[in-house]
Every structure is written in structure tokens, then in C-alpha cells.
Amino acid sequence: MTIPEDILQKHQRAGKIAAEVREEVKRTLREGIPIIDVCEQVELMIRRKGGKPAFPCNVSVNEVAAHYTSPPGDKRRIPEKSLVKVDIGVHVDGYIADTAVTVGFNSEYENLVRTAEEALEKAVEIFRHGLSMSRFGSMIQKTIKIRGVKPVSNLTGHKIGRYLIHAGKSLPNVSHFSTARIIEGEIYGVEPFTTLPKAAGKVKNGSEAHIFRLLKHKSLKNPYAKQLLNYIRENFRTLPFTERWLHGCVPHDQHKDAFSELLSSKSLVSYPVFIEASGNPVAQAEHTILAVKDGCIVLT
């Protein structure tokens, strides 16, 4: 299976934007910066470069492994001596690129960051049509463990589809029995996560959730809830979004009740923040990769 040239070009354009924004974040992220400023600046850069965010910018600190984006009015800042994962998604006409980088402000965690990057390099080296998911997971786990740290076992890479961040197939970062194989033309977000050897090596759901996705278009009583739901469907389709992006869609004094009805009616699904189960710091590295017959193409 090969990708039509026009579709490949859209993935490549999204990947170029995502990579440029990722490198800008690496240069400019600092301790003490408000997290909401990082999120909004990343999302603004994506739009200015001609793409759209495929999901809200994630800024996940220390033991928070994934899925933290600032809610409206967020007062949190990048802590001193922290380990910060910035996860960036871009789409062009629904064709997605997903990339992430970890910026460390504590030399104690340099090995976590470097190991995540080396595991990603290994993934690029071995990724190709026909590779079994089992072999892929075993190789990534071995690459991580040989450097004396631990993979996060229940966070995986994921196949990417049009307007779909997770398109049905997962890519394990640990040894895992599976008969599935990577197929030429498939696109994946490949993202190893690392943590300390003393850690549990898995994540659990936290109490917060600030990222949402349309689940079902349901009958609603509140006219402002209907208005919000229509806006979400037209602008985000099946892609995740944040409440920050709904500012001004309905009158300010009606927003809280309208959004609450969307959640209580299960029109929306929320993504809980993922936290390392033993409270230890996590690092991440990610590229979006296209499988070809004799290897892969890194899109980000």
C-alpha cells in the first residue's frame, strides 16, 4: 500500500511545521514560564505556519507523563529543576504529524532524556514494512534497559489516520506478544517513554482532565450547549480540543452550564492526565514515521 502523492505532501507539510515548532520550543522553554503561555504560543506558531493544532499542546511536568494542557486561566508555571515534555500535533486538511521533546532543567535526569532519544533513534533504524510489533517492542525495551532506566510499559506509539490521532493499532515500547505487523504506507507516532529504575514503570489516570473529544452528537436541552457542540463538530471533528479553544463561542455567563451539559450528556469524552504510578519523573521523545518497503521516512 502506498500513499497518494497529494496526501503524502500534506503529511510532510504538517511534519515540517511540527518539527520547526518543536525546535523553537527546545530553544525557548525556561523555568518559571507560565504553562498556558507555552501552550498558546505553540498553538499560535502552528497556525501562523499554515497548519492547525491536531490536539492541544501538552506540557507535562515531572511525574505527569502525558495529557496535561492548560485549562482557561491556568496559573501554573514551569517549575525549577523540572523535566518537561512538550507534545505537539499538527494537521493539514486532517493529515497529522505528532512529535514531542523533553527539556530537562535538572542534570540528574539527563540519562532519562537521552535514553528516550536513543530509543527513538533505534525505532527509526528498525522501522519498516513487515516488522512485527513484538520484535519492535522488544528492541525498544532492550535499548532503554541497557542504559539502566525503565520503559513506561502502558504507554505506546499509535497508528495515525486522517483526523484520528489513534487509528486502531498500538506500537508497544516493551516486549509484548502480538501477531500484528507494520504495513507499508502506515503512519505511526512512535514515542518511547522512560522513567527511573526504581519507578513502577506504568502510568495511572490522574484526577484532572483538560483535553476533550467529540464522542456522539446527542439531543441537548440547553441551546448554548447545542451551539457549542455544533462548533466543536465543525471545527475539530474527531480531533481532541481544549476548553481554551471555545472562548467566545457562547456568552461568557452561559459557557459553564453549556459545557457541563456536554460532559454530563456524554457528548464529549475527556482524556485524564497520565501520572507515573509511583510518582517518578518521565521523559519522552516522539517522531511521526511513515513505513516504506525497505525502511521508513521520518515526517517530523
Protein backbone atom coordinates (compact mmCIF):
# COMPACT_ATOMS: atom_id res chain seq x y z
CA MET A 1 0.00 0.00 0.00
CA THR A 2 1.44 3.36 -1.00
CA ILE A 3 0.15 6.80 -0.07
CA PRO A 4 -1.10 9.07 -2.87
CA GLU A 5 1.36 11.88 -3.52
CA ASP A 6 -1.07 14.69 -2.59
CA ILE A 7 -1.80 13.08 0.78
CA LEU A 8 1.89 12.44 1.46
CA GLN A 9 2.61 16.10 0.76
CA LYS A 10 0.04 17.16 3.38
CA HIS A 11 1.58 14.83 5.98
CA GLN A 12 5.03 16.19 5.08
CA ARG A 13 3.86 19.78 5.37
CA ALA A 14 2.31 19.04 8.78
CA GLY A 15 5.53 17.29 9.81
CA LYS A 16 7.71 20.22 8.75
CA ILE A 17 5.59 22.63 10.78
CA ALA A 18 5.62 20.33 13.82
CA ALA A 19 9.41 19.92 13.66
CA GLU A 20 10.01 23.66 13.35
CA VAL A 21 7.77 24.37 16.35
CA ARG A 22 9.44 21.59 18.38
CA GLU A 23 12.89 23.05 17.76
CA GLU A 24 11.67 26.53 18.72
CA VAL A 25 10.32 25.12 22.00
CA LYS A 26 13.70 23.49 22.73
CA ARG A 27 15.40 26.87 22.31
CA THR A 28 12.95 29.00 24.27
CA LEU A 29 11.48 26.92 27.12
CA ARG A 30 12.57 28.27 30.51
CA GLU A 31 11.90 27.66 34.18
CA GLY A 32 9.24 29.96 35.58
CA ILE A 33 7.31 30.50 32.33
CA PRO A 34 3.51 30.18 32.68
CA ILE A 35 2.46 26.83 31.18
CA ILE A 36 -0.53 28.45 29.48
CA ASP A 37 1.88 30.76 27.62
CA VAL A 38 3.79 27.76 26.29
CA CYS A 39 0.59 26.04 25.14
CA GLU A 40 -0.83 29.10 23.45
CA GLN A 41 2.45 30.11 21.83
CA VAL A 42 2.89 26.62 20.34
CA GLU A 43 -0.67 26.62 19.01
CA LEU A 44 -0.25 30.13 17.59
CA MET A 45 3.01 29.18 15.84
CA ILE A 46 1.30 26.19 14.23
CA ARG A 47 -1.47 28.40 12.87
CA ARG A 48 0.92 31.09 11.67
CA LYS A 49 2.91 28.48 9.73
CA GLY A 50 -0.22 27.36 7.90
CA GLY A 51 -1.26 24.29 9.90
CA LYS A 52 -3.82 23.65 12.61
CA PRO A 53 -3.26 22.02 16.00
CA ALA A 54 -4.16 18.32 15.81
CA PHE A 55 -4.61 18.39 19.59
CA PRO A 56 -3.92 20.91 22.37
CA CYS A 57 -0.24 21.40 23.12
CA ASN A 58 0.68 19.08 26.01
CA VAL A 59 3.11 20.39 28.63
CA SER A 60 3.59 17.53 31.08
CA VAL A 61 5.92 18.12 34.04
CA ASN A 62 7.97 15.59 36.04
CA GLU A 63 5.76 12.61 37.02
CA VAL A 64 2.99 13.77 34.68
CA ALA A 65 3.69 11.64 31.61
CA ALA A 66 1.11 12.99 29.17
CA HIS A 67 -2.19 14.81 28.54
CA TYR A 68 -1.68 17.99 30.54
CA THR A 69 -2.69 21.14 28.73
CA SER A 70 -3.59 24.40 30.42
CA PRO A 71 -7.24 24.95 31.24
CA PRO A 72 -8.59 28.51 30.89
CA GLY A 73 -6.95 30.82 33.42
CA ASP A 74 -4.21 28.33 34.35
CA LYS A 75 -1.75 29.82 36.87
CA ARG A 76 0.85 27.04 36.86
CA ARG A 77 4.42 27.69 35.79
CA ILE A 78 7.33 25.54 34.66
CA PRO A 79 8.95 24.55 37.97
CA GLU A 80 12.65 24.90 38.70
CA LYS A 81 14.75 21.76 38.17
CA SER A 82 11.88 20.07 36.35
CA LEU A 83 11.60 17.59 33.48
CA VAL A 84 9.19 18.99 30.88
CA LYS A 85 7.63 17.06 28.00
CA VAL A 86 6.12 19.17 25.20
CA ASP A 87 3.93 17.15 22.81
CA ILE A 88 2.91 18.89 19.58
CA GLY A 89 0.34 17.85 16.98
CA VAL A 90 -0.25 19.50 13.61
CA HIS A 91 -2.70 18.71 10.85
CA VAL A 92 -3.11 19.90 7.29
CA ASP A 93 -6.58 19.01 5.99
CA GLY A 94 -6.81 16.30 8.65
CA TYR A 95 -3.43 14.70 7.81
CA ILE A 96 -1.50 14.61 11.06
CA ALA A 97 2.06 14.87 12.34
CA ASP A 98 2.80 14.26 16.03
CA THR A 99 6.12 14.99 17.73
CA ALA A 100 7.45 15.52 21.24
CA VAL A 101 10.57 16.63 23.05
CA THR A 102 11.70 16.56 26.67
CA VAL A 103 13.52 19.57 28.06
CA GLY A 104 15.37 18.93 31.32
CA PHE A 105 16.34 21.59 33.85
CA ASN A 106 17.91 19.05 36.20
CA SER A 107 21.13 17.25 35.28
CA GLU A 108 20.03 14.33 37.46
CA TYR A 109 17.58 13.35 34.73
CA GLU A 110 19.84 13.71 31.69
CA ASN A 111 20.02 9.95 31.24
CA LEU A 112 16.22 9.67 31.06
CA VAL A 113 16.10 12.27 28.30
CA ARG A 114 19.00 10.84 26.32
CA THR A 115 17.67 7.28 26.62
CA ALA A 116 14.24 8.28 25.29
CA GLU A 117 16.02 9.94 22.35
CA GLU A 118 18.21 6.87 21.73
CA ALA A 119 15.16 4.58 21.83
CA LEU A 120 13.53 6.81 19.22
CA GLU A 121 16.67 6.62 17.08
CA LYS A 122 16.53 2.82 17.37
CA ALA A 123 12.87 2.86 16.33
CA VAL A 124 13.75 4.80 13.18
CA GLU A 125 16.59 2.36 12.45
CA ILE A 126 14.42 -0.78 12.60
CA PHE A 127 11.03 0.54 11.42
CA ARG A 128 9.92 -0.97 8.09
CA HIS A 129 7.19 -2.87 6.30
CA GLY A 130 6.68 -6.33 7.75
CA LEU A 131 8.32 -5.67 11.13
CA SER A 132 6.38 -7.47 13.86
CA MET A 133 5.02 -5.40 16.74
CA SER A 134 6.50 -7.97 19.13
CA ARG A 135 10.03 -7.51 17.77
CA PHE A 136 9.64 -3.73 17.74
CA GLY A 137 8.62 -3.64 21.43
CA SER A 138 11.42 -6.00 22.44
CA MET A 139 14.06 -3.89 20.67
CA ILE A 140 12.83 -0.64 22.24
CA GLN A 141 12.72 -2.19 25.71
CA LYS A 142 16.25 -3.57 25.30
CA THR A 143 17.56 -0.18 24.13
CA ILE A 144 16.06 1.52 27.18
CA LYS A 145 17.08 -1.06 29.77
CA ILE A 146 20.69 -1.27 28.57
CA ARG A 147 21.12 2.34 29.74
CA GLY A 148 19.92 1.48 33.24
CA VAL A 149 16.46 3.04 33.10
CA LYS A 150 12.95 1.68 32.68
CA PRO A 151 10.37 1.97 29.88
CA VAL A 152 6.82 3.01 30.71
CA SER A 153 5.02 -0.20 29.82
CA ASN A 154 1.45 1.02 29.32
CA LEU A 155 2.18 4.00 27.07
CA THR A 156 2.52 3.12 23.41
CA GLY A 157 3.01 4.57 19.99
CA HIS A 158 -0.03 4.68 17.73
CA LYS A 159 -1.12 4.42 14.14
CA ILE A 160 -2.31 7.76 12.74
CA GLY A 161 -5.25 8.25 10.39
CA ARG A 162 -6.99 11.23 8.85
CA TYR A 163 -8.48 13.26 11.71
CA LEU A 164 -7.50 10.35 14.00
CA ILE A 165 -4.59 10.55 16.43
CA HIS A 166 -5.10 6.92 17.47
CA ALA A 167 -6.22 4.91 14.44
CA GLY A 168 -6.61 1.46 15.94
CA LYS A 169 -3.11 -0.05 16.11
CA SER A 170 -0.70 0.46 19.01
CA LEU A 171 3.08 0.24 18.89
CA PRO A 172 4.46 -1.20 22.15
CA ASN A 173 7.57 0.08 23.90
CA VAL A 174 8.10 -3.21 25.77
CA SER A 175 8.20 -6.89 24.90
CA HIS A 176 4.64 -7.79 24.00
CA PHE A 177 3.16 -10.79 22.18
CA SER A 178 1.34 -9.74 19.03
CA THR A 179 0.80 -11.19 15.58
CA ALA A 180 0.36 -7.69 14.11
CA ARG A 181 2.94 -6.24 11.73
CA ILE A 182 3.75 -2.81 10.38
CA ILE A 183 2.42 -2.39 6.85
CA GLU A 184 3.91 -0.28 4.07
CA GLY A 185 2.09 3.04 3.85
CA GLU A 186 1.04 3.11 7.51
CA ILE A 187 1.95 6.18 9.56
CA TYR A 188 2.73 5.98 13.26
CA GLY A 189 3.50 8.28 16.14
CA VAL A 190 6.49 6.47 17.67
CA GLU A 191 7.05 7.60 21.25
CA PRO A 192 9.23 5.83 23.81
CA PHE A 193 8.78 6.93 27.43
CA THR A 194 11.44 6.40 30.10
CA THR A 195 11.47 6.59 33.87
CA LEU A 196 13.79 5.77 36.76
CA PRO A 197 14.71 2.13 37.51
CA LYS A 198 13.02 2.37 40.92
CA ALA A 199 9.74 3.55 39.37
CA ALA A 200 6.63 1.43 38.78
CA GLY A 201 7.15 1.87 35.03
CA LYS A 202 3.49 2.42 34.26
CA VAL A 203 1.02 5.28 34.36
CA LYS A 204 -2.33 5.74 36.06
CA ASN A 205 -5.13 8.22 35.46
CA GLY A 206 -4.85 11.45 37.41
CA SER A 207 -7.80 13.42 38.77
CA GLU A 208 -7.57 16.20 36.16
CA ALA A 209 -8.74 16.22 32.55
CA HIS A 210 -8.38 19.27 30.32
CA ILE A 211 -8.44 17.62 26.88
CA PHE A 212 -11.71 16.51 25.28
CA ARG A 213 -13.03 14.91 22.10
CA LEU A 214 -16.45 14.70 20.46
CA LEU A 215 -17.98 11.31 21.18
CA LYS A 216 -21.60 11.47 20.00
CA HIS A 217 -23.90 14.15 18.67
CA LYS A 218 -26.75 13.97 21.18
CA SER A 219 -30.03 15.80 21.71
CA LEU A 220 -29.45 18.61 24.20
CA LYS A 221 -31.83 20.86 26.14
CA ASN A 222 -29.59 23.90 26.58
CA PRO A 223 -29.46 25.94 23.34
CA TYR A 224 -25.96 27.14 24.20
CA ALA A 225 -24.83 23.54 24.68
CA LYS A 226 -26.17 22.81 21.18
CA GLN A 227 -24.27 25.82 19.86
CA LEU A 228 -21.04 24.66 21.50
CA LEU A 229 -21.49 21.12 20.21
CA ASN A 230 -22.04 22.33 16.65
CA TYR A 231 -18.91 24.47 16.88
CA ILE A 232 -16.87 21.51 18.16
CA ARG A 233 -18.13 19.20 15.40
CA GLU A 234 -17.48 21.71 12.63
CA ASN A 235 -14.03 22.80 13.82
CA PHE A 236 -12.42 19.74 15.44
CA ARG A 237 -14.34 16.72 14.08
CA THR A 238 -12.78 13.68 15.79
CA LEU A 239 -9.65 15.52 16.98
CA PRO A 240 -9.02 16.42 20.64
CA PHE A 241 -9.51 20.01 21.79
CA THR A 242 -9.26 22.13 24.93
CA GLU A 243 -11.83 24.34 26.60
CA ARG A 244 -9.48 27.27 25.92
CA TRP A 245 -10.36 26.96 22.21
CA LEU A 246 -14.07 27.52 22.91
CA HIS A 247 -13.62 31.04 24.29
CA GLY A 248 -16.26 33.38 22.86
CA CYS A 249 -18.38 30.66 21.22
CA VAL A 250 -21.29 31.39 23.55
CA PRO A 251 -21.89 34.27 26.01
CA HIS A 252 -19.42 34.10 28.89
CA ASP A 253 -22.15 33.75 31.53
CA GLN A 254 -23.62 30.74 29.66
CA HIS A 255 -20.42 28.84 28.96
CA LYS A 256 -20.05 26.91 32.21
CA ASP A 257 -23.56 25.42 32.16
CA ALA A 258 -23.37 24.66 28.43
CA PHE A 259 -20.03 22.87 28.70
CA SER A 260 -21.19 20.96 31.79
CA GLU A 261 -24.18 19.64 29.83
CA LEU A 262 -21.89 18.39 27.06
CA LEU A 263 -19.92 16.41 29.63
CA SER A 264 -22.90 15.10 31.62
CA SER A 265 -24.70 14.00 28.42
CA LYS A 266 -21.55 12.13 27.34
CA SER A 267 -21.46 14.10 24.10
CA LEU A 268 -17.76 14.52 24.90
CA VAL A 269 -15.11 12.17 26.22
CA SER A 270 -12.26 13.50 28.36
CA TYR A 271 -8.61 12.45 28.48
CA PRO A 272 -7.32 12.19 32.05
CA VAL A 273 -3.81 13.37 32.79
CA PHE A 274 -1.45 10.35 32.93
CA ILE A 275 0.77 10.18 36.02
CA GLU A 276 3.63 7.73 36.65
CA ALA A 277 2.12 5.34 39.20
CA SER A 278 4.93 5.69 41.75
CA GLY A 279 5.33 9.45 41.27
CA ASN A 280 8.66 9.29 39.46
CA PRO A 281 9.68 11.57 36.57
CA VAL A 282 9.11 10.56 32.95
CA ALA A 283 10.87 11.56 29.71
CA GLN A 284 9.51 11.21 26.18
CA ALA A 285 10.70 11.55 22.60
CA GLU A 286 8.48 11.24 19.53
CA HIS A 287 8.50 11.33 15.75
CA THR A 288 5.85 10.62 13.16
CA ILE A 289 7.12 7.90 10.81
CA LEU A 290 5.90 6.50 7.50
CA ALA A 291 6.63 2.82 6.84
CA VAL A 292 8.06 2.01 3.43
CA LYS A 293 9.20 -1.31 1.98
CA ASP A 294 12.87 -1.09 2.95
CA GLY A 295 12.72 1.30 5.92
CA CYS A 296 10.86 4.43 6.91
CA ILE A 297 10.51 8.15 6.29
CA VAL A 298 10.62 10.44 9.33
CA LEU A 299 7.99 13.12 8.76
CA THR A 300 8.89 15.26 11.77
